[in-house]
Amino acid sequence: MGLRINSNIPALNANRQTRQTANRILRGFEGLSSGLRINRARDDAAGLAIAENLRSQLRQLNAEVNSLQSGVNAAQTAEGGLATQTDAVQRLRELSVQAANGTMSDEGRAALNEEAQQLLDQIGATAEQTTFNGMGLLDGSQTTVPLDAEGNVALELNESTVDSLGLTGVDISTQAGAEDAIGRLDAALENIGQNRASLGAQQNRFEYGIENRENSAVNAAESESRIRDLDVARATIEQTRNQILLQAGIGALAQSNLVGQRALQLLGG
């Protein structure tokens, strides 16, 4: 190869290669410090778009899990209120059976009826006080509570008040009233039992939904990690390689700058 003075082609090539290696080293430091393979769109434009879509999906799944868990908590709260009502109705039926006994005196039935009225008041109070985040669960104010953005999953609630249970006007101060109350209380127990069964089935559905979404969230997170996260071992190897190349490039650049000096020596400079 001839000696040139105006243009030092070897130095230009060495400078270009050294500059590219230095840029790779800088990006390598950025990746190692962040733990990410993709820090900006230029690193992998297509990969970034896919990763962002997966991240959006992951956030939606996590939000849906939280919503379904709220549904489970609300259903458990409602079921707890119904369990309290069940105990009250069972006690009412026990009092009614006693009052229906023909040997019971009027005074005895009056005493039993006083307790019965207190229990009816408690059933009504339970319906009013069973709430979740300020929302009534048994008073009939809410019948459907959506738990997802699409409205495909919802908590279905049934009213469980003294009136809806058919217990309004129950009076066991007489034998006839007590006999009538027994049938109405049996119907109320069946109503409450069906309501509790519905809530239990919905809890199971929500919990299966939570498990399914949690599995999907794990898969989405793993997929995003494979695209976005940095393979530290591989990146460290690349960084070491680039550092060696940079040192070699700097040495080559220094050597290539000697070409002009050799030409000058030939001219007797």
Protein backbone atom coordinates (compact mmCIF):
# COMPACT_ATOMS: atom_id res chain seq x y z
CA MET A 1 0.00 0.00 0.00
CA GLY A 2 1.33 3.42 -0.94
CA LEU A 3 2.05 6.18 1.56
CA ARG A 4 -0.41 9.12 1.55
CA ILE A 5 -0.18 12.51 3.24
CA ASN A 6 -3.51 14.21 2.46
CA SER A 7 -5.72 11.25 3.48
CA ASN A 8 -4.99 8.77 6.24
CA ILE A 9 -7.45 6.02 5.34
CA PRO A 10 -6.25 3.54 8.01
CA ALA A 11 -6.67 6.22 10.69
CA LEU A 12 -10.17 7.05 9.46
CA ASN A 13 -11.20 3.37 9.54
CA ALA A 14 -9.66 2.88 12.97
CA ASN A 15 -11.44 6.00 14.23
CA ARG A 16 -14.79 4.80 12.89
CA GLN A 17 -14.42 1.36 14.43
CA THR A 18 -13.24 2.81 17.73
CA ARG A 19 -16.17 5.23 17.87
CA GLN A 20 -18.68 2.42 17.21
CA THR A 21 -17.06 0.28 19.90
CA ALA A 22 -17.19 3.19 22.38
CA ASN A 23 -20.92 3.65 21.64
CA ARG A 24 -21.56 -0.04 22.26
CA ILE A 25 -19.70 0.21 25.56
CA LEU A 26 -21.83 3.19 26.61
CA ARG A 27 -25.04 1.32 25.75
CA GLY A 28 -23.65 -1.70 27.59
CA PHE A 29 -23.12 0.36 30.73
CA GLU A 30 -26.69 1.68 30.40
CA GLY A 31 -28.07 -1.83 30.13
CA LEU A 32 -26.00 -3.20 33.02
CA SER A 33 -26.97 -0.30 35.27
CA SER A 34 -30.70 -0.59 34.48
CA GLY A 35 -30.90 -4.36 34.10
CA LEU A 36 -32.83 -3.84 30.85
CA ARG A 37 -32.01 -4.88 27.33
CA ILE A 38 -34.42 -2.28 25.96
CA ASN A 39 -34.01 1.16 27.50
CA ARG A 40 -35.32 3.17 24.55
CA ALA A 41 -37.00 2.49 21.23
CA ARG A 42 -33.74 2.44 19.25
CA ASP A 43 -32.56 -0.60 21.21
CA ASP A 44 -35.36 -2.77 19.76
CA ALA A 45 -38.36 -0.93 18.33
CA ALA A 46 -40.45 -4.03 17.62
CA GLY A 47 -39.53 -5.62 20.95
CA LEU A 48 -40.45 -2.45 22.82
CA ALA A 49 -43.91 -2.38 21.24
CA ILE A 50 -44.55 -6.01 22.19
CA ALA A 51 -43.20 -5.49 25.71
CA GLU A 52 -45.40 -2.43 26.28
CA ASN A 53 -48.44 -4.38 25.12
CA LEU A 54 -47.60 -7.19 27.54
CA ARG A 55 -47.09 -4.69 30.36
CA SER A 56 -50.52 -3.17 29.67
CA GLN A 57 -52.05 -6.65 29.70
CA LEU A 58 -50.26 -7.44 32.96
CA ARG A 59 -51.57 -4.31 34.65
CA GLN A 60 -55.11 -5.09 33.53
CA LEU A 61 -54.85 -8.62 34.89
CA ASN A 62 -53.58 -7.35 38.24
CA ALA A 63 -56.42 -4.82 38.41
CA GLU A 64 -58.95 -7.56 37.63
CA VAL A 65 -57.48 -9.74 40.38
CA ASN A 66 -57.96 -6.90 42.87
CA SER A 67 -61.53 -6.36 41.68
CA LEU A 68 -62.40 -10.05 41.96
CA GLN A 69 -60.84 -10.18 45.41
CA SER A 70 -63.10 -7.29 46.40
CA GLY A 71 -66.01 -9.35 45.10
CA VAL A 72 -64.92 -12.28 47.27
CA ASN A 73 -64.64 -10.03 50.31
CA ALA A 74 -68.08 -8.50 49.67
CA ALA A 75 -69.65 -11.95 49.22
CA GLN A 76 -68.05 -13.15 52.46
CA THR A 77 -69.37 -10.09 54.27
CA ALA A 78 -72.88 -10.70 52.93
CA GLU A 79 -72.69 -14.38 53.83
CA GLY A 80 -71.66 -13.44 57.36
CA GLY A 81 -74.76 -11.26 57.69
CA LEU A 82 -76.94 -14.09 56.42
CA ALA A 83 -75.38 -16.48 58.94
CA THR A 84 -76.40 -14.06 61.71
CA GLN A 85 -79.93 -13.92 60.31
CA THR A 86 -80.04 -17.72 60.14
CA ASP A 87 -79.29 -17.97 63.85
CA ALA A 88 -82.00 -15.40 64.61
CA VAL A 89 -84.60 -17.19 62.47
CA GLN A 90 -83.70 -20.55 64.01
CA ARG A 91 -84.27 -19.07 67.47
CA LEU A 92 -87.55 -17.53 66.28
CA ARG A 93 -88.73 -20.93 65.07
CA GLU A 94 -87.79 -22.48 68.38
CA LEU A 95 -89.86 -19.82 70.21
CA SER A 96 -92.76 -20.34 67.80
CA VAL A 97 -92.80 -24.08 68.43
CA GLN A 98 -92.92 -23.41 72.16
CA ALA A 99 -95.71 -20.85 71.74
CA ALA A 100 -97.72 -23.27 69.58
CA ASN A 101 -97.94 -25.68 72.49
CA GLY A 102 -101.52 -25.72 73.70
CA THR A 103 -100.43 -25.93 77.33
CA MET A 104 -98.61 -22.58 77.13
CA SER A 105 -100.32 -19.76 79.02
CA ASP A 106 -101.03 -16.34 77.52
CA GLU A 107 -98.45 -14.81 79.82
CA GLY A 108 -95.86 -17.32 78.65
CA ARG A 109 -96.62 -16.61 74.98
CA ALA A 110 -96.38 -12.88 75.63
CA ALA A 111 -92.90 -13.35 77.11
CA LEU A 112 -91.88 -15.49 74.13
CA ASN A 113 -93.30 -12.93 71.72
CA GLU A 114 -91.29 -10.15 73.34
CA GLU A 115 -88.08 -12.00 72.56
CA ALA A 116 -89.40 -12.81 69.09
CA GLN A 117 -89.94 -9.13 68.30
CA GLN A 118 -86.43 -8.33 69.44
CA LEU A 119 -85.11 -11.00 67.09
CA LEU A 120 -87.14 -9.58 64.20
CA ASP A 121 -85.62 -6.18 64.91
CA GLN A 122 -82.17 -7.77 64.88
CA ILE A 123 -82.84 -9.39 61.50
CA GLY A 124 -83.80 -6.00 60.11
CA ALA A 125 -80.79 -4.31 61.68
CA THR A 126 -78.48 -6.95 60.23
CA ALA A 127 -79.87 -6.26 56.76
CA GLU A 128 -79.23 -2.54 57.15
CA GLN A 129 -75.80 -2.82 58.76
CA THR A 130 -74.27 -5.46 56.48
CA THR A 131 -72.29 -3.18 54.15
CA PHE A 132 -69.07 -3.26 52.15
CA ASN A 133 -67.30 0.02 51.40
CA GLY A 134 -70.53 1.88 52.13
CA MET A 135 -72.60 -0.37 49.86
CA GLY A 136 -75.58 -2.22 51.31
CA LEU A 137 -75.42 -5.95 50.65
CA LEU A 138 -78.69 -7.28 52.09
CA ASP A 139 -81.03 -4.26 52.20
CA GLY A 140 -82.01 -4.49 48.51
CA SER A 141 -80.25 -1.26 47.51
CA GLN A 142 -77.83 -3.24 45.32
CA THR A 143 -78.64 -6.24 43.18
CA THR A 144 -75.73 -6.35 40.70
CA VAL A 145 -72.18 -5.13 41.34
CA PRO A 146 -69.91 -5.25 38.22
CA LEU A 147 -66.39 -6.46 38.95
CA ASP A 148 -64.70 -5.99 35.56
CA ALA A 149 -64.54 -3.31 32.89
CA GLU A 150 -66.48 -5.40 30.35
CA GLY A 151 -69.29 -6.17 32.79
CA ASN A 152 -68.94 -9.92 32.23
CA VAL A 153 -68.32 -10.65 35.92
CA ALA A 154 -70.60 -9.28 38.62
CA LEU A 155 -71.63 -10.00 42.18
CA GLU A 156 -75.33 -10.81 42.35
CA LEU A 157 -77.02 -9.84 45.61
CA ASN A 158 -80.45 -10.79 46.93
CA GLU A 159 -82.44 -8.78 49.43
CA SER A 160 -82.72 -10.33 52.87
CA THR A 161 -84.88 -8.07 55.01
CA VAL A 162 -87.76 -8.81 57.35
CA ASP A 163 -90.20 -7.93 54.58
CA SER A 164 -88.46 -9.91 51.79
CA LEU A 165 -88.23 -12.93 54.09
CA GLY A 166 -91.98 -12.77 54.70
CA LEU A 167 -91.63 -12.17 58.42
CA THR A 168 -93.40 -8.83 58.66
CA GLY A 169 -96.18 -9.01 61.25
CA VAL A 170 -95.01 -12.25 62.87
CA ASP A 171 -96.69 -12.46 66.28
CA ILE A 172 -96.49 -15.54 68.50
CA SER A 173 -98.50 -14.12 71.37
CA THR A 174 -101.31 -16.49 70.36
CA GLN A 175 -101.30 -20.17 69.48
CA ALA A 176 -102.66 -19.48 65.98
CA GLY A 177 -100.05 -16.79 65.42
CA ALA A 178 -97.32 -19.16 66.53
CA GLU A 179 -98.54 -21.92 64.20
CA ASP A 180 -98.63 -19.46 61.31
CA ALA A 181 -95.15 -18.20 62.16
CA ILE A 182 -93.62 -21.70 61.95
CA GLY A 183 -94.50 -22.01 58.26
CA ARG A 184 -93.28 -18.51 57.48
CA LEU A 185 -90.03 -19.10 59.35
CA ASP A 186 -89.43 -22.35 57.44
CA ALA A 187 -89.82 -20.43 54.19
CA ALA A 188 -87.48 -17.71 55.48
CA LEU A 189 -84.83 -20.30 56.38
CA GLU A 190 -85.08 -21.78 52.89
CA ASN A 191 -84.78 -18.30 51.37
CA ILE A 192 -81.70 -17.47 53.43
CA GLY A 193 -80.17 -20.86 52.66
CA GLN A 194 -80.58 -20.34 48.91
CA ASN A 195 -79.07 -16.87 49.24
CA ARG A 196 -76.06 -18.22 51.11
CA ALA A 197 -75.62 -21.00 48.54
CA SER A 198 -75.65 -18.41 45.74
CA LEU A 199 -73.02 -16.33 47.48
CA GLY A 200 -70.86 -19.40 48.10
CA ALA A 201 -71.04 -20.40 44.44
CA GLN A 202 -70.10 -16.87 43.40
CA GLN A 203 -67.15 -16.86 45.79
CA ASN A 204 -65.87 -20.07 44.20
CA ARG A 205 -66.29 -18.57 40.74
CA PHE A 206 -64.39 -15.42 41.70
CA GLU A 207 -61.58 -17.41 43.31
CA TYR A 208 -61.19 -19.56 40.17
CA GLY A 209 -61.17 -16.32 38.16
CA ILE A 210 -58.45 -14.92 40.41
CA GLU A 211 -56.35 -18.06 40.00
CA ASN A 212 -56.75 -17.97 36.21
CA ARG A 213 -55.78 -14.29 36.00
CA GLU A 214 -52.82 -14.78 38.32
CA ASN A 215 -51.53 -17.55 36.05
CA SER A 216 -52.01 -15.32 33.01
CA ALA A 217 -50.22 -12.48 34.81
CA VAL A 218 -47.24 -14.73 35.54
CA ASN A 219 -47.06 -15.76 31.87
CA ALA A 220 -47.34 -12.15 30.71
CA ALA A 221 -44.62 -11.03 33.15
CA GLU A 222 -42.33 -13.84 32.02
CA SER A 223 -42.90 -12.99 28.35
CA GLU A 224 -42.17 -9.31 28.96
CA SER A 225 -39.05 -10.22 30.93
CA ARG A 226 -37.70 -12.33 28.07
CA ILE A 227 -38.09 -9.37 25.72
CA ARG A 228 -37.18 -6.42 27.92
CA ASP A 229 -34.80 -7.68 30.60
CA LEU A 230 -31.05 -7.97 30.12
CA ASP A 231 -29.14 -11.24 30.13
CA VAL A 232 -26.48 -9.97 32.54
CA ALA A 233 -24.00 -12.80 31.92
CA ARG A 234 -24.13 -12.34 28.17
CA ALA A 235 -23.99 -8.55 28.47
CA THR A 236 -20.92 -8.78 30.72
CA ILE A 237 -19.15 -10.93 28.16
CA GLU A 238 -20.04 -8.46 25.39
CA GLN A 239 -18.88 -5.55 27.52
CA THR A 240 -15.52 -7.19 28.17
CA ARG A 241 -15.14 -7.95 24.47
CA ASN A 242 -15.95 -4.35 23.53
CA GLN A 243 -13.49 -2.98 26.10
CA ILE A 244 -10.74 -5.13 24.58
CA LEU A 245 -11.73 -3.95 21.10
CA LEU A 246 -11.68 -0.34 22.29
CA GLN A 247 -8.17 -0.70 23.64
CA ALA A 248 -7.07 -2.37 20.39
CA GLY A 249 -8.77 0.36 18.37
CA ILE A 250 -7.02 3.11 20.30
CA GLY A 251 -3.70 1.33 19.69
CA ALA A 252 -4.49 0.92 15.99
CA LEU A 253 -5.45 4.60 15.75
CA ALA A 254 -2.16 5.61 17.29
CA GLN A 255 -0.23 3.37 14.90
CA SER A 256 -2.13 4.62 11.83
CA ASN A 257 -1.22 8.21 12.68
CA LEU A 258 2.42 7.24 12.21
CA VAL A 259 1.85 6.77 8.44
CA GLY A 260 2.13 10.49 7.74
CA GLN A 261 5.27 10.76 9.82
CA ARG A 262 6.89 7.94 7.82
CA ALA A 263 6.03 9.72 4.56
CA LEU A 264 7.63 12.84 5.96
CA GLN A 265 10.77 10.91 6.84
CA LEU A 266 11.05 9.66 3.27
CA LEU A 267 10.93 13.26 2.08
CA GLY A 268 13.81 14.07 4.35
CA GLY A 269 11.64 16.05 6.80
